[in-house]
Amino acid sequence: MATDIAGAGVKTIRSKKVARKRAFRQALLLFALAILLILTMIPIVNMLTMSLKDNGQIFARFWAAPNPYRWSNYAEAWKIMKGYITNSLVVSISAMLGVVFLSSISGYVFARHKFPGKNALYVIILSLMMIPGMLTLIPSFMLINDLGLIDTRWALILPWMSGGQVFGILICRGYFGGLPEELFEAARMDGAKEFDLYTRIAVPLSWPIMVTLAIMNLVSTYNDFLWPLLVMTSSSKQVVSVGLREFTQSGLTDWGPRMAAYTIATIPLLLLFSFGMRYYIQGVTSGAIKA
């Protein structure tokens, strides 16, 4: 009896030590994550602080709070940036819709159908991911120029649609391939046509991965700088990433309005993530599980 009590006491002591070690490791991990979060937030806080200052306050008292607060910076930034933001949203959303639609159809065909040369064609499409975008920059520009699309919105929409489909086909094919075949067979027995299978079964069941693809593509095109700089010559048709240069004149940058413009330019992406984050996380996690 005494031996059993002693053994139970030893087990209790060991379990307490294990629990203390586990709690210490968890606390250490949370501390490290808190430090990383603080370091990540420092540039964002600086941007928000600088957006309420003028150049004198920024250069003389960089780390100090704004005094006085220059809310007029936002009015000035919005006056300049509203056209650029509208242009970016129009072309980015148009390209995103094209990528999601074409990638989902192509991914569905590769996942649910068999035809000669399917695997070889799929490998060729995936091999395009190995080519750096800078190598295709000049040929793409020459093609757009030969088509007479320079300084038009199609010069942004069409290349962004074609460039985003490779990754889109990859993730759509993987997701569609994991859907139960019994659902499609039952629908075929009920007389459903192939396009009905795509629109009524494949797409509704793959909504998270569709939203994930849409968010990733929209963020990529919205932040693109080099391609719009090359193909767009009119300021009235330019996008937000290039339009942010408007605050530099004669080599002098007005940092307060420029930081306010950066803040305003991030609002569409913040709203996008706010409404689509749940589907985005589902798409990423489900894709990881299927992989």
Protein backbone atom coordinates (compact mmCIF):
# COMPACT_ATOMS: atom_id res chain seq x y z
CA MET A 1 0.00 0.00 0.00
CA ALA A 2 2.78 2.40 0.92
CA THR A 3 4.59 1.49 -2.30
CA ASP A 4 1.48 2.34 -4.36
CA ILE A 5 1.11 5.70 -2.62
CA ALA A 6 4.78 6.51 -3.21
CA GLY A 7 4.46 5.55 -6.88
CA ALA A 8 1.39 7.73 -7.29
CA GLY A 9 3.25 10.62 -5.65
CA VAL A 10 6.18 10.24 -8.04
CA LYS A 11 3.81 10.18 -11.05
CA THR A 12 2.10 13.33 -9.76
CA ILE A 13 5.42 15.13 -9.38
CA ARG A 14 6.50 14.07 -12.86
CA SER A 15 3.23 15.20 -14.40
CA LYS A 16 3.56 18.58 -12.70
CA LYS A 17 7.08 18.97 -14.05
CA VAL A 18 5.92 18.07 -17.54
CA ALA A 19 3.05 20.53 -17.26
CA ARG A 20 5.41 23.30 -16.06
CA LYS A 21 7.80 22.61 -18.96
CA ARG A 22 4.92 22.67 -21.43
CA ALA A 23 3.59 25.93 -19.98
CA PHE A 24 7.08 27.47 -20.11
CA ARG A 25 7.53 26.48 -23.76
CA GLN A 26 4.11 27.86 -24.63
CA ALA A 27 4.85 31.12 -22.82
CA LEU A 28 8.19 31.38 -24.63
CA LEU A 29 6.48 30.79 -27.97
CA LEU A 30 3.82 33.43 -27.24
CA PHE A 31 6.54 35.89 -26.23
CA ALA A 32 8.43 35.30 -29.49
CA LEU A 33 5.22 35.73 -31.50
CA ALA A 34 4.46 38.96 -29.62
CA ILE A 35 7.93 40.32 -30.46
CA LEU A 36 7.47 39.42 -34.14
CA LEU A 37 4.03 41.07 -34.13
CA ILE A 38 5.46 44.26 -32.65
CA LEU A 39 8.26 44.34 -35.22
CA THR A 40 5.70 43.80 -37.99
CA MET A 41 3.48 46.61 -36.74
CA ILE A 42 6.24 49.22 -36.41
CA PRO A 43 6.27 50.16 -40.15
CA ILE A 44 2.46 50.30 -40.21
CA VAL A 45 2.32 52.54 -37.14
CA ASN A 46 5.03 54.76 -38.66
CA MET A 47 3.03 55.05 -41.87
CA LEU A 48 -0.11 56.07 -39.99
CA THR A 49 1.83 58.55 -37.85
CA MET A 50 3.65 60.11 -40.79
CA SER A 51 0.37 60.47 -42.68
CA LEU A 52 -0.72 63.06 -40.09
CA LYS A 53 2.47 65.14 -40.20
CA ASP A 54 4.11 67.59 -42.55
CA ASN A 55 7.73 67.35 -43.72
CA GLY A 56 8.94 69.59 -40.91
CA GLN A 57 7.50 67.35 -38.22
CA ILE A 58 8.74 64.20 -39.93
CA PHE A 59 12.35 65.38 -40.27
CA ALA A 60 12.57 67.20 -36.94
CA ARG A 61 10.54 64.86 -34.67
CA PHE A 62 10.29 61.55 -36.49
CA TRP A 63 9.27 59.37 -33.51
CA ALA A 64 7.05 61.95 -31.85
CA ALA A 65 3.29 62.04 -32.16
CA PRO A 66 1.83 64.48 -34.72
CA ASN A 67 1.41 67.98 -33.34
CA PRO A 68 -0.76 69.35 -34.80
CA TYR A 69 -2.61 66.57 -36.62
CA ARG A 70 -2.77 67.30 -40.34
CA TRP A 71 -6.02 65.61 -41.40
CA SER A 72 -5.86 67.64 -44.58
CA ASN A 73 -3.22 65.19 -45.83
CA TYR A 74 -5.96 62.61 -46.37
CA ALA A 75 -8.14 65.05 -48.28
CA GLU A 76 -5.20 65.92 -50.52
CA ALA A 77 -4.25 62.27 -50.97
CA TRP A 78 -7.81 61.20 -51.82
CA LYS A 79 -8.15 64.00 -54.36
CA ILE A 80 -5.12 62.66 -56.23
CA MET A 81 -5.57 58.92 -55.67
CA LYS A 82 -9.29 58.31 -56.22
CA GLY A 83 -8.89 58.00 -60.00
CA TYR A 84 -5.90 55.67 -59.68
CA ILE A 85 -7.69 53.46 -57.14
CA THR A 86 -10.73 53.22 -59.41
CA ASN A 87 -8.55 52.23 -62.37
CA SER A 88 -6.76 49.58 -60.29
CA LEU A 89 -10.00 48.07 -59.04
CA VAL A 90 -11.53 47.94 -62.52
CA VAL A 91 -8.59 46.21 -64.21
CA SER A 92 -7.69 43.98 -61.25
CA ILE A 93 -11.25 42.74 -60.71
CA SER A 94 -11.71 42.16 -64.46
CA ALA A 95 -8.48 40.15 -64.65
CA MET A 96 -9.38 38.25 -61.47
CA LEU A 97 -12.79 37.21 -62.81
CA GLY A 98 -11.17 35.99 -66.03
CA VAL A 99 -8.51 34.02 -64.16
CA VAL A 100 -11.00 32.35 -61.82
CA PHE A 101 -13.40 31.42 -64.63
CA LEU A 102 -10.81 30.11 -67.11
CA SER A 103 -8.66 28.40 -64.48
CA SER A 104 -11.64 26.63 -62.93
CA ILE A 105 -12.86 25.35 -66.30
CA SER A 106 -9.36 24.21 -67.31
CA GLY A 107 -8.78 22.62 -63.91
CA TYR A 108 -12.11 20.82 -64.16
CA VAL A 109 -11.24 19.41 -67.58
CA PHE A 110 -7.82 18.21 -66.42
CA ALA A 111 -9.25 16.69 -63.24
CA ARG A 112 -12.46 15.02 -64.45
CA HIS A 113 -11.77 14.06 -68.09
CA LYS A 114 -9.39 11.82 -69.98
CA PHE A 115 -8.10 12.74 -73.42
CA PRO A 116 -4.94 12.02 -75.44
CA GLY A 117 -1.93 14.04 -74.34
CA LYS A 118 -3.58 15.29 -71.15
CA ASN A 119 -0.60 14.67 -68.87
CA ALA A 120 1.90 16.05 -71.38
CA LEU A 121 -0.17 19.21 -71.87
CA TYR A 122 -0.52 19.65 -68.11
CA VAL A 123 3.25 19.33 -67.61
CA ILE A 124 3.85 21.91 -70.36
CA ILE A 125 1.48 24.34 -68.65
CA LEU A 126 3.14 23.80 -65.27
CA SER A 127 6.58 24.31 -66.80
CA LEU A 128 5.59 27.91 -67.48
CA MET A 129 5.87 28.51 -63.73
CA MET A 130 9.62 27.88 -64.04
CA ILE A 131 10.10 30.85 -66.39
CA PRO A 132 10.83 34.13 -64.55
CA GLY A 133 8.43 36.91 -65.40
CA MET A 134 11.29 39.27 -66.27
CA LEU A 135 12.27 37.04 -69.21
CA THR A 136 8.86 37.46 -70.82
CA LEU A 137 8.61 41.20 -70.13
CA ILE A 138 9.99 42.41 -73.46
CA PRO A 139 8.16 39.81 -75.63
CA SER A 140 4.91 40.62 -73.83
CA PHE A 141 5.42 44.33 -74.38
CA MET A 142 6.15 43.80 -78.08
CA LEU A 143 3.02 41.64 -78.43
CA ILE A 144 0.81 44.23 -76.74
CA ASN A 145 2.37 46.95 -78.90
CA ASP A 146 1.77 44.96 -82.11
CA LEU A 147 -1.86 44.45 -81.11
CA GLY A 148 -2.28 48.19 -80.67
CA LEU A 149 -3.28 47.87 -77.01
CA ILE A 150 -0.72 50.23 -75.49
CA ASP A 151 -2.35 52.72 -73.11
CA THR A 152 -5.59 50.74 -72.93
CA ARG A 153 -7.00 48.74 -70.05
CA TRP A 154 -6.76 45.60 -72.14
CA ALA A 155 -2.98 45.97 -71.99
CA LEU A 156 -3.29 45.18 -68.28
CA ILE A 157 -6.27 42.83 -68.20
CA LEU A 158 -5.20 40.34 -70.88
CA PRO A 159 -1.59 39.74 -69.67
CA TRP A 160 -2.75 39.48 -66.07
CA MET A 161 -5.42 36.96 -67.07
CA SER A 162 -2.98 34.80 -69.01
CA GLY A 163 -0.24 35.06 -66.40
CA GLY A 164 -2.46 34.08 -63.47
CA GLN A 165 -3.94 30.97 -65.03
CA VAL A 166 -0.96 28.66 -64.58
CA PHE A 167 -1.14 28.70 -60.80
CA GLY A 168 -4.93 28.75 -60.96
CA ILE A 169 -5.07 25.59 -63.08
CA LEU A 170 -2.69 23.90 -60.66
CA ILE A 171 -4.77 24.45 -57.53
CA CYS A 172 -8.15 23.99 -59.27
CA ARG A 173 -7.10 20.68 -60.81
CA GLY A 174 -5.89 19.42 -57.46
CA TYR A 175 -9.09 20.42 -55.69
CA PHE A 176 -11.50 19.19 -58.37
CA GLY A 177 -9.62 15.90 -58.55
CA GLY A 178 -10.38 15.27 -54.88
CA LEU A 179 -14.15 15.59 -55.25
CA PRO A 180 -16.09 12.29 -55.02
CA GLU A 181 -16.71 10.76 -58.43
CA GLU A 182 -20.04 9.36 -57.18
CA LEU A 183 -21.57 12.85 -57.20
CA PHE A 184 -20.78 13.35 -60.87
CA GLU A 185 -21.92 9.85 -61.83
CA ALA A 186 -25.25 10.34 -60.05
CA ALA A 187 -25.77 13.66 -61.81
CA ARG A 188 -24.99 12.10 -65.19
CA MET A 189 -27.55 9.38 -64.54
CA ASP A 190 -30.12 12.12 -63.85
CA GLY A 191 -29.40 13.62 -67.26
CA ALA A 192 -27.09 16.48 -66.24
CA LYS A 193 -24.88 17.86 -68.98
CA GLU A 194 -21.18 18.50 -68.54
CA PHE A 195 -21.53 22.23 -68.00
CA ASP A 196 -24.20 21.51 -65.37
CA LEU A 197 -21.73 19.26 -63.56
CA TYR A 198 -19.25 22.11 -63.53
CA THR A 199 -21.62 24.87 -62.42
CA ARG A 200 -23.86 22.90 -60.01
CA ILE A 201 -21.44 20.45 -58.42
CA ALA A 202 -17.78 21.34 -58.95
CA VAL A 203 -17.98 25.11 -58.39
CA PRO A 204 -20.29 25.13 -55.31
CA LEU A 205 -18.17 22.47 -53.59
CA SER A 206 -14.97 24.36 -54.43
CA TRP A 207 -16.05 27.83 -53.29
CA PRO A 208 -13.20 28.23 -50.70
CA ILE A 209 -10.50 27.47 -53.27
CA MET A 210 -12.15 29.85 -55.74
CA VAL A 211 -12.09 32.67 -53.19
CA THR A 212 -8.48 31.83 -52.32
CA LEU A 213 -7.48 32.06 -55.98
CA ALA A 214 -9.44 35.30 -56.41
CA ILE A 215 -7.80 36.96 -53.39
CA MET A 216 -4.27 35.91 -54.33
CA ASN A 217 -4.71 37.08 -57.92
CA LEU A 218 -6.35 40.38 -56.96
CA VAL A 219 -3.62 41.24 -54.46
CA SER A 220 -0.92 40.41 -57.01
CA THR A 221 -2.36 42.56 -59.79
CA TYR A 222 -3.39 45.42 -57.51
CA ASN A 223 0.21 45.74 -56.28
CA ASP A 224 1.86 45.34 -59.69
CA PHE A 225 4.09 48.29 -60.58
CA LEU A 226 6.44 47.47 -63.44
CA TRP A 227 3.97 46.27 -66.09
CA PRO A 228 1.53 49.23 -65.73
CA LEU A 229 4.51 51.58 -65.82
CA LEU A 230 5.54 50.14 -69.21
CA VAL A 231 2.21 49.86 -71.03
CA MET A 232 0.20 52.80 -69.65
CA THR A 233 1.21 56.28 -70.80
CA SER A 234 -1.84 58.36 -69.83
CA SER A 235 -2.04 59.52 -66.24
CA SER A 236 -5.84 59.27 -66.33
CA LYS A 237 -5.62 55.51 -67.01
CA GLN A 238 -2.77 54.72 -64.64
CA VAL A 239 -3.09 52.43 -61.60
CA VAL A 240 -2.53 53.12 -57.92
CA SER A 241 0.94 51.60 -57.58
CA VAL A 242 2.32 53.96 -60.23
CA GLY A 243 0.12 56.88 -59.21
CA LEU A 244 1.82 57.05 -55.81
CA ARG A 245 4.74 58.76 -57.55
CA GLU A 246 2.59 61.89 -57.97
CA PHE A 247 3.71 63.15 -54.57
CA THR A 248 7.31 63.58 -55.74
CA GLN A 249 7.93 66.78 -57.66
CA SER A 250 11.30 68.27 -58.62
CA GLY A 251 13.06 65.67 -56.48
CA LEU A 252 11.15 66.69 -53.32
CA THR A 253 8.61 64.32 -51.77
CA ASP A 254 5.70 65.55 -49.66
CA TRP A 255 5.78 62.63 -47.23
CA GLY A 256 2.65 63.40 -45.23
CA PRO A 257 0.16 63.20 -48.13
CA ARG A 258 2.14 60.35 -49.64
CA MET A 259 1.82 58.26 -46.47
CA ALA A 260 -1.88 59.17 -46.38
CA ALA A 261 -2.14 57.92 -49.97
CA TYR A 262 -0.45 54.64 -48.98
CA THR A 263 -3.00 54.26 -46.17
CA ILE A 264 -5.94 54.95 -48.47
CA ALA A 265 -4.56 52.57 -51.11
CA THR A 266 -4.53 49.68 -48.61
CA ILE A 267 -8.21 50.05 -47.69
CA PRO A 268 -9.58 48.00 -50.66
CA LEU A 269 -7.27 45.10 -49.81
CA LEU A 270 -8.16 45.30 -46.11
CA LEU A 271 -11.86 45.14 -46.99
CA LEU A 272 -11.17 42.23 -49.32
CA PHE A 273 -9.43 40.25 -46.59
CA SER A 274 -12.05 41.20 -44.00
CA PHE A 275 -14.89 39.70 -46.04
CA GLY A 276 -12.97 36.83 -47.64
CA MET A 277 -10.60 35.71 -44.88
CA ARG A 278 -12.84 32.86 -43.70
CA TYR A 279 -13.02 31.37 -47.19
CA TYR A 280 -9.34 32.10 -47.77
CA ILE A 281 -8.30 30.11 -44.69
CA GLN A 282 -10.64 27.26 -45.64
CA GLY A 283 -9.17 27.17 -49.14
CA VAL A 284 -5.56 27.17 -47.93
CA THR A 285 -6.12 24.52 -45.27
CA SER A 286 -8.23 22.27 -47.50
CA GLY A 287 -5.64 22.54 -50.26
CA ALA A 288 -2.92 21.57 -47.79
CA ILE A 289 -4.93 18.55 -46.58
CA LYS A 290 -5.64 17.38 -50.13
CA ALA A 291 -1.99 17.81 -51.06
